[in-house]
C-alpha atoms as a PDB file:
ATOM      1  CA  UNK A   1      -4.437  -6.783  15.393  1.00  0.00           C
ATOM      2  CA  UNK A   2      -7.351  -5.247  14.769  1.00  0.00           C
ATOM      3  CA  UNK A   3      -9.638  -6.759  12.014  1.00  0.00           C
ATOM      4  CA  UNK A   4      -9.734  -5.238   8.864  1.00  0.00           C
ATOM      5  CA  UNK A   5     -13.386  -3.323   7.731  1.00  0.00           C
ATOM      6  CA  UNK A   6     -14.219  -3.550   3.886  1.00  0.00           C
ATOM      7  CA  UNK A   7     -14.457  -0.400   2.148  1.00  0.00           C
ATOM      8  CA  UNK A   8     -16.728  -0.387  -1.317  1.00  0.00           C
ATOM      9  CA  UNK A   9     -18.018   3.275  -1.752  1.00  0.00           C
ATOM     10  CA  UNK A  10     -19.522   4.030  -5.706  1.00  0.00           C
ATOM     11  CA  UNK A  11     -21.593   7.136  -6.640  1.00  0.00           C
ATOM     12  CA  UNK A  12     -21.925   9.801  -9.106  1.00  0.00           C
ATOM     13  CA  UNK A  13     -24.347  12.744  -8.645  1.00  0.00           C
ATOM     14  CA  UNK A  14     -25.370  16.421  -9.400  1.00  0.00           C
ATOM     15  CA  UNK A  15     -26.950  16.948  -5.954  1.00  0.00           C
ATOM     16  CA  UNK A  16     -24.526  19.130  -3.659  1.00  0.00           C
ATOM     17  CA  UNK A  17     -26.373  17.656  -0.710  1.00  0.00           C
ATOM     18  CA  UNK A  18     -25.766  14.020  -1.951  1.00  0.00           C
ATOM     19  CA  UNK A  19     -22.494  14.962  -2.559  1.00  0.00           C
ATOM     20  CA  UNK A  20     -21.523  16.289   0.778  1.00  0.00           C
ATOM     21  CA  UNK A  21     -23.122  13.064   2.488  1.00  0.00           C
ATOM     22  CA  UNK A  22     -20.877  10.958   0.507  1.00  0.00           C
ATOM     23  CA  UNK A  23     -18.004  12.856   1.212  1.00  0.00           C
ATOM     24  CA  UNK A  24     -18.457  12.334   4.961  1.00  0.00           C
ATOM     25  CA  UNK A  25     -18.508   8.704   4.542  1.00  0.00           C
ATOM     26  CA  UNK A  26     -14.593   9.227   3.698  1.00  0.00           C
ATOM     27  CA  UNK A  27     -13.573  12.038   5.543  1.00  0.00           C
ATOM     28  CA  UNK A  28     -15.296  13.194   8.824  1.00  0.00           C
ATOM     29  CA  UNK A  29     -16.872  16.503   9.055  1.00  0.00           C
ATOM     30  CA  UNK A  30     -16.420  17.219   5.149  1.00  0.00           C
ATOM     31  CA  UNK A  31     -18.245  19.846   3.936  1.00  0.00           C
ATOM     32  CA  UNK A  32     -18.650  21.769   0.516  1.00  0.00           C
ATOM     33  CA  UNK A  33     -19.049  24.965   0.244  1.00  0.00           C
ATOM     34  CA  UNK A  34     -22.152  26.834  -1.522  1.00  0.00           C
ATOM     35  CA  UNK A  35     -22.263  25.804  -5.232  1.00  0.00           C
ATOM     36  CA  UNK A  36     -22.768  28.632  -7.212  1.00  0.00           C
ATOM     37  CA  UNK A  37     -23.979  26.937 -10.505  1.00  0.00           C
ATOM     38  CA  UNK A  38     -25.641  23.735  -9.859  1.00  0.00           C
ATOM     39  CA  UNK A  39     -26.158  23.314 -13.174  1.00  0.00           C
ATOM     40  CA  UNK A  40     -22.849  22.872 -13.851  1.00  0.00           C
ATOM     41  CA  UNK A  41     -22.113  20.695 -10.751  1.00  0.00           C
ATOM     42  CA  UNK A  42     -20.852  17.089 -10.733  1.00  0.00           C
ATOM     43  CA  UNK A  43     -19.429  14.703  -7.947  1.00  0.00           C
ATOM     44  CA  UNK A  44     -18.324  11.338  -8.408  1.00  0.00           C
ATOM     45  CA  UNK A  45     -16.623   9.128  -5.900  1.00  0.00           C
ATOM     46  CA  UNK A  46     -15.244   5.623  -6.117  1.00  0.00           C
ATOM     47  CA  UNK A  47     -13.341   3.919  -3.101  1.00  0.00           C
ATOM     48  CA  UNK A  48     -12.048   0.315  -2.747  1.00  0.00           C
ATOM     49  CA  UNK A  49     -10.062  -1.409   0.113  1.00  0.00           C
ATOM     50  CA  UNK A  50     -10.328  -1.619   3.660  1.00  0.00           C
ATOM     51  CA  UNK A  51      -9.505  -0.244   6.857  1.00  0.00           C
ATOM     52  CA  UNK A  52      -5.815  -0.699   6.204  1.00  0.00           C
ATOM     53  CA  UNK A  53      -5.478   0.093   2.604  1.00  0.00           C
ATOM     54  CA  UNK A  54      -8.027   2.035   0.259  1.00  0.00           C
ATOM     55  CA  UNK A  55      -7.762   3.819  -3.062  1.00  0.00           C
ATOM     56  CA  UNK A  56     -10.053   6.052  -4.285  1.00  0.00           C
ATOM     57  CA  UNK A  57     -10.860   8.522  -7.048  1.00  0.00           C
ATOM     58  CA  UNK A  58     -12.804  11.843  -6.317  1.00  0.00           C
ATOM     59  CA  UNK A  59     -13.831  14.049  -9.215  1.00  0.00           C
ATOM     60  CA  UNK A  60     -15.621  17.362  -8.762  1.00  0.00           C
ATOM     61  CA  UNK A  61     -16.962  19.425 -11.760  1.00  0.00           C
ATOM     62  CA  UNK A  62     -17.472  22.930 -11.237  1.00  0.00           C
ATOM     63  CA  UNK A  63     -15.536  25.510  -8.794  1.00  0.00           C
ATOM     64  CA  UNK A  64     -16.261  24.735  -5.440  1.00  0.00           C
ATOM     65  CA  UNK A  65     -14.615  25.228  -1.957  1.00  0.00           C
ATOM     66  CA  UNK A  66     -14.626  23.271   1.042  1.00  0.00           C
ATOM     67  CA  UNK A  67     -13.394  22.263   4.687  1.00  0.00           C
ATOM     68  CA  UNK A  68     -12.798  18.700   5.714  1.00  0.00           C
ATOM     69  CA  UNK A  69     -10.845  16.750   8.619  1.00  0.00           C
ATOM     70  CA  UNK A  70      -9.523  13.410   8.052  1.00  0.00           C
ATOM     71  CA  UNK A  71      -9.909  11.037  11.048  1.00  0.00           C
ATOM     72  CA  UNK A  72      -8.814   7.870  11.011  1.00  0.00           C
ATOM     73  CA  UNK A  73      -6.609   7.624   8.505  1.00  0.00           C
ATOM     74  CA  UNK A  74      -3.442   9.293   6.897  1.00  0.00           C
ATOM     75  CA  UNK A  75      -4.778   9.955   3.139  1.00  0.00           C
ATOM     76  CA  UNK A  76      -2.639  11.131   0.042  1.00  0.00           C
ATOM     77  CA  UNK A  77      -3.810  12.846  -2.376  1.00  0.00           C
ATOM     78  CA  UNK A  78      -2.760  13.075  -5.679  1.00  0.00           C
ATOM     79  CA  UNK A  79      -4.252  15.590  -8.277  1.00  0.00           C
ATOM     80  CA  UNK A  80      -4.648  14.136 -11.539  1.00  0.00           C
ATOM     81  CA  UNK A  81      -6.687  16.767 -13.674  1.00  0.00           C
ATOM     82  CA  UNK A  82      -8.150  20.369 -12.947  1.00  0.00           C
ATOM     83  CA  UNK A  83      -6.882  22.801 -10.514  1.00  0.00           C
ATOM     84  CA  UNK A  84      -6.488  22.961  -6.535  1.00  0.00           C
ATOM     85  CA  UNK A  85      -4.935  25.114  -4.032  1.00  0.00           C
ATOM     86  CA  UNK A  86      -5.410  24.037  -0.487  1.00  0.00           C
ATOM     87  CA  UNK A  87      -4.118  24.998   3.157  1.00  0.00           C
ATOM     88  CA  UNK A  88      -3.315  22.497   5.804  1.00  0.00           C
ATOM     89  CA  UNK A  89      -2.942  23.377   9.327  1.00  0.00           C
ATOM     90  CA  UNK A  90      -1.417  26.718   8.180  1.00  0.00           C
ATOM     91  CA  UNK A  91       0.935  25.443   5.382  1.00  0.00           C
ATOM     92  CA  UNK A  92      -0.655  26.107   1.668  1.00  0.00           C
ATOM     93  CA  UNK A  93      -0.126  24.465  -1.524  1.00  0.00           C
ATOM     94  CA  UNK A  94      -1.635  23.337  -4.883  1.00  0.00           C
ATOM     95  CA  UNK A  95      -1.317  22.484  -8.531  1.00  0.00           C
ATOM     96  CA  UNK A  96      -0.428  18.642  -9.620  1.00  0.00           C
ATOM     97  CA  UNK A  97       1.901  17.474  -6.574  1.00  0.00           C
ATOM     98  CA  UNK A  98       1.127  15.522  -3.872  1.00  0.00           C
ATOM     99  CA  UNK A  99       0.121  16.284  -0.630  1.00  0.00           C
ATOM    100  CA  UNK A 100      -0.789  14.597   2.528  1.00  0.00           C
ATOM    101  CA  UNK A 101      -3.707  14.801   4.924  1.00  0.00           C
ATOM    102  CA  UNK A 102      -2.844  13.503   8.884  1.00  0.00           C
ATOM    103  CA  UNK A 103      -5.536  12.504  11.320  1.00  0.00           C
ATOM    104  CA  UNK A 104      -7.209  15.595  12.899  1.00  0.00           C
ATOM    105  CA  UNK A 105      -5.879  17.874  10.744  1.00  0.00           C
ATOM    106  CA  UNK A 106      -8.318  20.858   9.470  1.00  0.00           C
ATOM    107  CA  UNK A 107      -8.123  20.908   5.314  1.00  0.00           C
ATOM    108  CA  UNK A 108      -9.577  24.036   3.517  1.00  0.00           C
ATOM    109  CA  UNK A 109      -9.540  23.571  -0.209  1.00  0.00           C
ATOM    110  CA  UNK A 110     -10.662  25.268  -3.165  1.00  0.00           C
ATOM    111  CA  UNK A 111     -10.833  23.256  -6.356  1.00  0.00           C
ATOM    112  CA  UNK A 112     -11.871  23.714 -10.132  1.00  0.00           C
ATOM    113  CA  UNK A 113     -13.091  20.654 -12.230  1.00  0.00           C
ATOM    114  CA  UNK A 114     -10.678  18.707  -9.988  1.00  0.00           C
ATOM    115  CA  UNK A 115     -10.014  14.871 -10.491  1.00  0.00           C
ATOM    116  CA  UNK A 116      -7.979  13.640  -7.724  1.00  0.00           C
ATOM    117  CA  UNK A 117      -6.507  10.144  -6.780  1.00  0.00           C
ATOM    118  CA  UNK A 118      -6.444   9.452  -3.253  1.00  0.00           C
ATOM    119  CA  UNK A 119      -4.562   6.271  -1.025  1.00  0.00           C
ATOM    120  CA  UNK A 120      -6.105   6.045   2.927  1.00  0.00           C
ATOM    121  CA  UNK A 121      -3.880   4.205   5.077  1.00  0.00           C
ATOM    122  CA  UNK A 122      -4.842   3.193   8.343  1.00  0.00           C
ATOM    123  CA  UNK A 123      -2.751   4.556  11.154  1.00  0.00           C
ATOM    124  CA  UNK A 124      -2.201   0.926  12.983  1.00  0.00           C
ATOM    125  CA  UNK A 125      -1.209  -0.527   9.646  1.00  0.00           C
ATOM    126  CA  UNK A 126       1.189   2.739   9.090  1.00  0.00           C
ATOM    127  CA  UNK A 127       2.491   2.558  12.399  1.00  0.00           C
ATOM    128  CA  UNK A 128       3.124  -1.330  12.325  1.00  0.00           C
ATOM    129  CA  UNK A 129       5.117  -0.922   9.102  1.00  0.00           C
ATOM    130  CA  UNK A 130       7.002   2.251  10.290  1.00  0.00           C
ATOM    131  CA  UNK A 131       8.423   0.640  13.588  1.00  0.00           C
ATOM    132  CA  UNK A 132       9.175  -2.512  11.514  1.00  0.00           C
ATOM    133  CA  UNK A 133      11.037  -0.489   8.655  1.00  0.00           C
ATOM    134  CA  UNK A 134      12.826   2.038  10.905  1.00  0.00           C
ATOM    135  CA  UNK A 135      13.677  -0.668  13.928  1.00  0.00           C
ATOM    136  CA  UNK A 136      12.164   1.648  16.648  1.00  0.00           C
ATOM    137  CA  UNK A 137       9.225  -0.188  18.581  1.00  0.00           C
ATOM    138  CA  UNK A 138       8.100   3.212  20.269  1.00  0.00           C
ATOM    139  CA  UNK A 139       7.550   5.064  17.202  1.00  0.00           C
ATOM    140  CA  UNK A 140       4.614   7.142  17.071  1.00  0.00           C
ATOM    141  CA  UNK A 141       3.799   8.090  13.371  1.00  0.00           C
ATOM    142  CA  UNK A 142       3.397  11.726  12.845  1.00  0.00           C
ATOM    143  CA  UNK A 143       4.419  13.389   9.436  1.00  0.00           C
ATOM    144  CA  UNK A 144       6.660  16.835   9.568  1.00  0.00           C
ATOM    145  CA  UNK A 145       4.298  18.226   6.932  1.00  0.00           C
ATOM    146  CA  UNK A 146       1.993  17.766   3.927  1.00  0.00           C
ATOM    147  CA  UNK A 147       4.529  18.246   1.060  1.00  0.00           C
ATOM    148  CA  UNK A 148       7.019  15.349  -0.196  1.00  0.00           C
ATOM    149  CA  UNK A 149      10.533  15.667   0.989  1.00  0.00           C
ATOM    150  CA  UNK A 150      12.025  15.760  -2.889  1.00  0.00           C
ATOM    151  CA  UNK A 151      10.721  15.389  -6.439  1.00  0.00           C
ATOM    152  CA  UNK A 152      12.338  11.702  -6.544  1.00  0.00           C
ATOM    153  CA  UNK A 153      10.770  10.656  -3.585  1.00  0.00           C
ATOM    154  CA  UNK A 154       7.391  12.040  -5.141  1.00  0.00           C
ATOM    155  CA  UNK A 155       8.197   9.891  -8.370  1.00  0.00           C
ATOM    156  CA  UNK A 156       9.160   6.940  -6.324  1.00  0.00           C
ATOM    157  CA  UNK A 157       5.590   6.887  -4.282  1.00  0.00           C
ATOM    158  CA  UNK A 158       3.741   7.666  -7.770  1.00  0.00           C
ATOM    159  CA  UNK A 159       5.045   4.889  -9.239  1.00  0.00           C
ATOM    160  CA  UNK A 160       4.264   2.474  -6.216  1.00  0.00           C
ATOM    161  CA  UNK A 161       0.991   3.900  -6.467  1.00  0.00           C
ATOM    162  CA  UNK A 162       0.383   3.076 -10.067  1.00  0.00           C
ATOM    163  CA  UNK A 163       1.708  -0.763  -9.487  1.00  0.00           C
ATOM    164  CA  UNK A 164      -0.665  -0.905  -6.479  1.00  0.00           C
ATOM    165  CA  UNK A 165      -3.541   0.549  -8.290  1.00  0.00           C
ATOM    166  CA  UNK A 166      -2.894  -1.711 -11.172  1.00  0.00           C
ATOM    167  CA  UNK A 167      -2.834  -4.730  -8.896  1.00  0.00           C
ATOM    168  CA  UNK A 168      -5.795  -3.907  -7.008  1.00  0.00           C
ATOM    169  CA  UNK A 169      -8.516  -3.637 -10.024  1.00  0.00           C
ATOM    170  CA  UNK A 170      -7.628  -7.288 -10.393  1.00  0.00           C
ATOM    171  CA  UNK A 171     -10.345  -9.136  -8.386  1.00  0.00           C
ATOM    172  CA  UNK A 172      -8.230 -12.447  -8.579  1.00  0.00           C
ATOM    173  CA  UNK A 173      -5.599 -10.306  -6.636  1.00  0.00           C
ATOM    174  CA  UNK A 174      -7.491  -8.190  -4.398  1.00  0.00           C
ATOM    175  CA  UNK A 175      -9.056 -11.783  -2.796  1.00  0.00           C
ATOM    176  CA  UNK A 176      -5.472 -12.972  -1.975  1.00  0.00           C
ATOM    177  CA  UNK A 177      -4.815 -11.834   1.518  1.00  0.00           C
ATOM    178  CA  UNK A 178      -0.795 -12.640   0.707  1.00  0.00           C
ATOM    179  CA  UNK A 179      -0.917 -10.144  -2.214  1.00  0.00           C
ATOM    180  CA  UNK A 180      -3.328  -7.612  -0.431  1.00  0.00           C
ATOM    181  CA  UNK A 181      -0.383  -7.611   2.655  1.00  0.00           C
ATOM    182  CA  UNK A 182       2.343  -7.071   0.140  1.00  0.00           C
ATOM    183  CA  UNK A 183       0.412  -4.300  -1.733  1.00  0.00           C
ATOM    184  CA  UNK A 184      -0.235  -2.677   1.663  1.00  0.00           C
ATOM    185  CA  UNK A 185       3.664  -2.888   2.666  1.00  0.00           C
ATOM    186  CA  UNK A 186       4.488  -0.976  -0.654  1.00  0.00           C
ATOM    187  CA  UNK A 187       2.316   1.814  -0.172  1.00  0.00           C
ATOM    188  CA  UNK A 188       3.235   2.395   3.148  1.00  0.00           C
ATOM    189  CA  UNK A 189       6.796   2.178   2.627  1.00  0.00           C
ATOM    190  CA  UNK A 190       6.254   4.667  -0.403  1.00  0.00           C
ATOM    191  CA  UNK A 191       4.454   7.363   2.302  1.00  0.00           C
ATOM    192  CA  UNK A 192       7.149   6.775   4.526  1.00  0.00           C
ATOM    193  CA  UNK A 193       9.824   7.383   2.228  1.00  0.00           C
ATOM    194  CA  UNK A 194       8.041  10.604   0.300  1.00  0.00           C
ATOM    195  CA  UNK A 195       7.070  12.467   3.557  1.00  0.00           C
ATOM    196  CA  UNK A 196       9.364  13.476   6.337  1.00  0.00           C
ATOM    197  CA  UNK A 197       8.607  12.066  10.021  1.00  0.00           C
ATOM    198  CA  UNK A 198       8.766  14.336  12.837  1.00  0.00           C
ATOM    199  CA  UNK A 199      11.841  13.743  14.803  1.00  0.00           C
ATOM    200  CA  UNK A 200      14.566  11.188  14.200  1.00  0.00           C
ATOM    201  CA  UNK A 201      13.708   7.308  15.103  1.00  0.00           C
ATOM    202  CA  UNK A 202      16.403   5.794  17.113  1.00  0.00           C
ATOM    203  CA  UNK A 203      18.871   3.457  15.318  1.00  0.00           C
ATOM    204  CA  UNK A 204      19.286  -0.223  15.958  1.00  0.00           C
ATOM    205  CA  UNK A 205      22.216  -2.158  15.380  1.00  0.00           C
ATOM    206  CA  UNK A 206      23.214  -5.811  15.507  1.00  0.00           C
ATOM    207  CA  UNK A 207      26.295  -7.717  15.872  1.00  0.00           C
ATOM    208  CA  UNK A 208      27.536 -10.378  13.262  1.00  0.00           C
ATOM    209  CA  UNK A 209      26.541 -12.992  15.798  1.00  0.00           C
ATOM    210  CA  UNK A 210      23.214 -11.548  16.405  1.00  0.00           C
ATOM    211  CA  UNK A 211      22.612 -11.446  12.675  1.00  0.00           C
ATOM    212  CA  UNK A 212      23.582 -15.002  11.992  1.00  0.00           C
ATOM    213  CA  UNK A 213      20.901 -15.708  14.775  1.00  0.00           C
ATOM    214  CA  UNK A 214      18.648 -13.956  13.272  1.00  0.00           C
ATOM    215  CA  UNK A 215      19.065 -15.203   9.664  1.00  0.00           C
ATOM    216  CA  UNK A 216      18.495 -18.942  11.006  1.00  0.00           C
ATOM    217  CA  UNK A 217      15.281 -17.482  12.933  1.00  0.00           C
ATOM    218  CA  UNK A 218      14.030 -15.964  10.130  1.00  0.00           C
ATOM    219  CA  UNK A 219      14.290 -18.725   7.635  1.00  0.00           C
ATOM    220  CA  UNK A 220      12.506 -21.226   9.991  1.00  0.00           C
ATOM    221  CA  UNK A 221       9.642 -18.286  10.623  1.00  0.00           C
ATOM    222  CA  UNK A 222       9.486 -18.136   6.743  1.00  0.00           C
ATOM    223  CA  UNK A 223       9.095 -22.100   6.353  1.00  0.00           C
ATOM    224  CA  UNK A 224       6.533 -22.095   9.082  1.00  0.00           C
ATOM    225  CA  UNK A 225       4.521 -19.090   7.807  1.00  0.00           C
ATOM    226  CA  UNK A 226       4.849 -19.589   3.975  1.00  0.00           C
ATOM    227  CA  UNK A 227       1.251 -19.998   3.313  1.00  0.00           C
ATOM    228  CA  UNK A 228       0.113 -16.828   5.354  1.00  0.00           C
ATOM    229  CA  UNK A 229       0.468 -13.578   4.079  1.00  0.00           C
ATOM    230  CA  UNK A 230       3.641 -12.433   5.888  1.00  0.00           C
ATOM    231  CA  UNK A 231       5.740  -9.894   4.640  1.00  0.00           C
ATOM    232  CA  UNK A 232       9.266  -9.010   5.226  1.00  0.00           C
ATOM    233  CA  UNK A 233       8.107  -6.531   8.192  1.00  0.00           C
ATOM    234  CA  UNK A 234       6.454  -9.713   9.940  1.00  0.00           C
ATOM    235  CA  UNK A 235      10.069 -11.543   9.456  1.00  0.00           C
ATOM    236  CA  UNK A 236      11.776  -8.392  10.937  1.00  0.00           C
ATOM    237  CA  UNK A 237       9.437  -8.245  13.820  1.00  0.00           C
ATOM    238  CA  UNK A 238       9.680 -11.924  14.569  1.00  0.00           C
ATOM    239  CA  UNK A 239      13.432 -11.995  14.659  1.00  0.00           C
ATOM    240  CA  UNK A 240      13.430  -8.691  16.669  1.00  0.00           C
ATOM    241  CA  UNK A 241      15.512  -6.392  13.847  1.00  0.00           C
ATOM    242  CA  UNK A 242      14.625  -3.659  11.755  1.00  0.00           C
ATOM    243  CA  UNK A 243      14.390  -4.423   8.243  1.00  0.00           C
ATOM    244  CA  UNK A 244      17.404  -2.583   7.098  1.00  0.00           C
ATOM    245  CA  UNK A 245      19.238  -4.931  10.109  1.00  0.00           C
ATOM    246  CA  UNK A 246      17.414  -8.272   8.676  1.00  0.00           C
ATOM    247  CA  UNK A 247      18.563  -7.261   5.205  1.00  0.00           C
ATOM    248  CA  UNK A 248      22.529  -7.177   6.299  1.00  0.00           C
ATOM    249  CA  UNK A 249      21.870 -10.295   8.260  1.00  0.00           C
ATOM    250  CA  UNK A 250      20.637 -11.982   4.957  1.00  0.00           C
ATOM    251  CA  UNK A 251      23.283 -10.403   2.664  1.00  0.00           C
ATOM    252  CA  UNK A 252      26.279 -11.565   4.960  1.00  0.00           C
ATOM    253  CA  UNK A 253      24.406 -14.476   5.628  1.00  0.00           C
ATOM    254  CA  UNK A 254      23.558 -16.107   2.428  1.00  0.00           C
ATOM    255  CA  UNK A 255      24.219 -13.465  -0.295  1.00  0.00           C
ATOM    256  CA  UNK A 256      20.544 -12.401  -0.706  1.00  0.00           C
ATOM    257  CA  UNK A 257      17.668 -10.433   0.961  1.00  0.00           C
ATOM    258  CA  UNK A 258      14.791 -11.277   3.314  1.00  0.00           C
ATOM    259  CA  UNK A 259      12.400 -10.475  -0.055  1.00  0.00           C
ATOM    260  CA  UNK A 260      14.425 -12.537  -2.280  1.00  0.00           C
ATOM    261  CA  UNK A 261      14.520 -15.603   0.098  1.00  0.00           C
ATOM    262  CA  UNK A 262      10.700 -15.451   0.823  1.00  0.00           C
ATOM    263  CA  UNK A 263      10.141 -15.496  -3.171  1.00  0.00           C
ATOM    264  CA  UNK A 264      12.546 -18.460  -3.793  1.00  0.00           C
ATOM    265  CA  UNK A 265      10.537 -20.296  -1.047  1.00  0.00           C
ATOM    266  CA  UNK A 266       7.292 -19.450  -2.377  1.00  0.00           C
ATOM    267  CA  UNK A 267       8.407 -20.121  -5.978  1.00  0.00           C
ATOM    268  CA  UNK A 268       9.403 -23.725  -4.621  1.00  0.00           C
ATOM    269  CA  UNK A 269       6.212 -24.228  -2.907  1.00  0.00           C
ATOM    270  CA  UNK A 270       4.154 -23.376  -6.183  1.00  0.00           C
ATOM    271  CA  UNK A 271       6.396 -25.546  -8.094  1.00  0.00           C
ATOM    272  CA  UNK A 272       5.560 -28.579  -5.605  1.00  0.00           C
ATOM    273  CA  UNK A 273       1.706 -27.624  -6.235  1.00  0.00           C
ATOM    274  CA  UNK A 274       1.895 -27.676  -9.739  1.00  0.00           C
ATOM    275  CA  UNK A 275       3.586 -31.239  -9.590  1.00  0.00           C
ATOM    276  CA  UNK A 276       0.468 -32.395  -7.169  1.00  0.00           C
ATOM    277  CA  UNK A 277      -1.893 -30.725  -9.459  1.00  0.00           C
ATOM    278  CA  UNK A 278      -4.685 -32.039 -11.509  1.00  0.00           C
ATOM    279  CA  UNK A 279      -5.698 -30.092 -14.993  1.00  0.00           C
ATOM    280  CA  UNK A 280      -8.380 -31.688 -15.602  1.00  0.00           C
ATOM    281  CA  UNK A 281      -9.892 -31.227 -12.132  1.00  0.00           C
ATOM    282  CA  UNK A 282      -9.535 -27.454 -12.822  1.00  0.00           C
ATOM    283  CA  UNK A 283      -5.908 -26.805 -11.251  1.00  0.00           C
ATOM    284  CA  UNK A 284      -4.367 -24.047 -13.405  1.00  0.00           C
ATOM    285  CA  UNK A 285      -1.047 -22.133 -13.381  1.00  0.00           C
ATOM    286  CA  UNK A 286      -2.518 -18.794 -12.585  1.00  0.00           C
ATOM    287  CA  UNK A 287      -4.463 -20.030  -9.682  1.00  0.00           C
ATOM    288  CA  UNK A 288      -1.544 -21.840  -8.101  1.00  0.00           C
ATOM    289  CA  UNK A 289       0.596 -18.653  -8.962  1.00  0.00           C
ATOM    290  CA  UNK A 290      -2.011 -16.473  -6.914  1.00  0.00           C
ATOM    291  CA  UNK A 291      -1.956 -18.804  -4.092  1.00  0.00           C
ATOM    292  CA  UNK A 292       1.866 -18.319  -3.603  1.00  0.00           C
ATOM    293  CA  UNK A 293       1.935 -14.135  -4.205  1.00  0.00           C
ATOM    294  CA  UNK A 294       3.004 -14.225  -7.834  1.00  0.00           C
ATOM    295  CA  UNK A 295       0.710 -11.782  -9.380  1.00  0.00           C
ATOM    296  CA  UNK A 296       2.804 -11.619 -12.706  1.00  0.00           C
ATOM    297  CA  UNK A 297       2.353 -14.623 -14.971  1.00  0.00           C
ATOM    298  CA  UNK A 298       5.303 -13.438 -16.912  1.00  0.00           C
ATOM    299  CA  UNK A 299       7.549 -13.123 -14.269  1.00  0.00           C
ATOM    300  CA  UNK A 300       6.564 -16.474 -12.242  1.00  0.00           C
ATOM    301  CA  UNK A 301       7.028 -18.571 -15.641  1.00  0.00           C
ATOM    302  CA  UNK A 302      10.364 -16.890 -16.026  1.00  0.00           C
ATOM    303  CA  UNK A 303      11.462 -17.700 -12.806  1.00  0.00           C
ATOM    304  CA  UNK A 304      10.297 -21.088 -12.727  1.00  0.00           C
ATOM    305  CA  UNK A 305      11.855 -21.924 -16.176  1.00  0.00           C
ATOM    306  CA  UNK A 306      15.293 -20.584 -14.543  1.00  0.00           C
ATOM    307  CA  UNK A 307      14.551 -22.790 -11.530  1.00  0.00           C
ATOM    308  CA  UNK A 308      13.427 -25.732 -13.090  1.00  0.00           C
ATOM    309  CA  UNK A 309      14.359 -25.693 -16.622  1.00  0.00           C
ATOM    310  CA  UNK A 310      10.472 -26.044 -18.039  1.00  0.00           C
ATOM    311  CA  UNK A 311       7.356 -23.610 -17.579  1.00  0.00           C
ATOM    312  CA  UNK A 312       4.711 -23.806 -15.130  1.00  0.00           C
ATOM    313  CA  UNK A 313       2.396 -25.011 -17.689  1.00  0.00           C
ATOM    314  CA  UNK A 314       4.761 -27.908 -18.486  1.00  0.00           C
ATOM    315  CA  UNK A 315       5.021 -28.894 -14.971  1.00  0.00           C
ATOM    316  CA  UNK A 316       1.040 -28.992 -14.764  1.00  0.00           C
ATOM    317  CA  UNK A 317       0.567 -30.998 -17.934  1.00  0.00           C
ATOM    318  CA  UNK A 318       3.175 -34.012 -16.682  1.00  0.00           C
END
């Protein structure tokens, strides 16, 4: 797996030349057209993450047109305010709806006081997730077009983006590899759900015996790698099944899901850490929860109380 490169870009400028240089740090060969009223012009850019997953916010004040080509990422754009009309490889669109830019595609846009959120997914990371989820190790990710497949799928993408965006604004969350891996998976799956892939990936099937064996291998792998930022897709890859078939194996053998099993194993590990922790030495419930990938303290407390009959804070104070 290729190491990720951190991304952190923050700028606000009224100079179109500086704005063009900043745009080109994110989108290769980006170039705004002539700015007719330079006094009304403003460009701001905020981008954070890494080469696998970065989230950004771009703001254009004024009426501007421009071209760009995205290279090295799949970019989903979410207009939040203002107006935009665009053309991507001959397909047109506009308004507040999501649209997708793929590596190598030519984009032309006309914007008017536009504020747009963006999600950039590295091709290697997105393809890895697609192959795991769809169970096709030969799949090369390419989408059928820039438009979402349905309003319902677009809403799913938006809700996932809202969750991921909120999580990544917390430095304590962003610094935990396990949590970052989970957020990358969520955003990748939402994008694969929202936009149609070219062609139909080949389905995979497993017999009942194979599923039972896969379940045992999966649980063993989870236990061995519990402190690493593994995801359900990692477990599926290890067992040689798609995530759909792995889920069937868990439901038939244990009445749960791979994700549910992984969460319970991590809850157990967090409980053991609480028992061994020393609050006088600075150990906290939040730090232990984050260590095991649990970002929502309320949910962690609820699940811990259900499992152990007391709150995490009570366990820590023992």
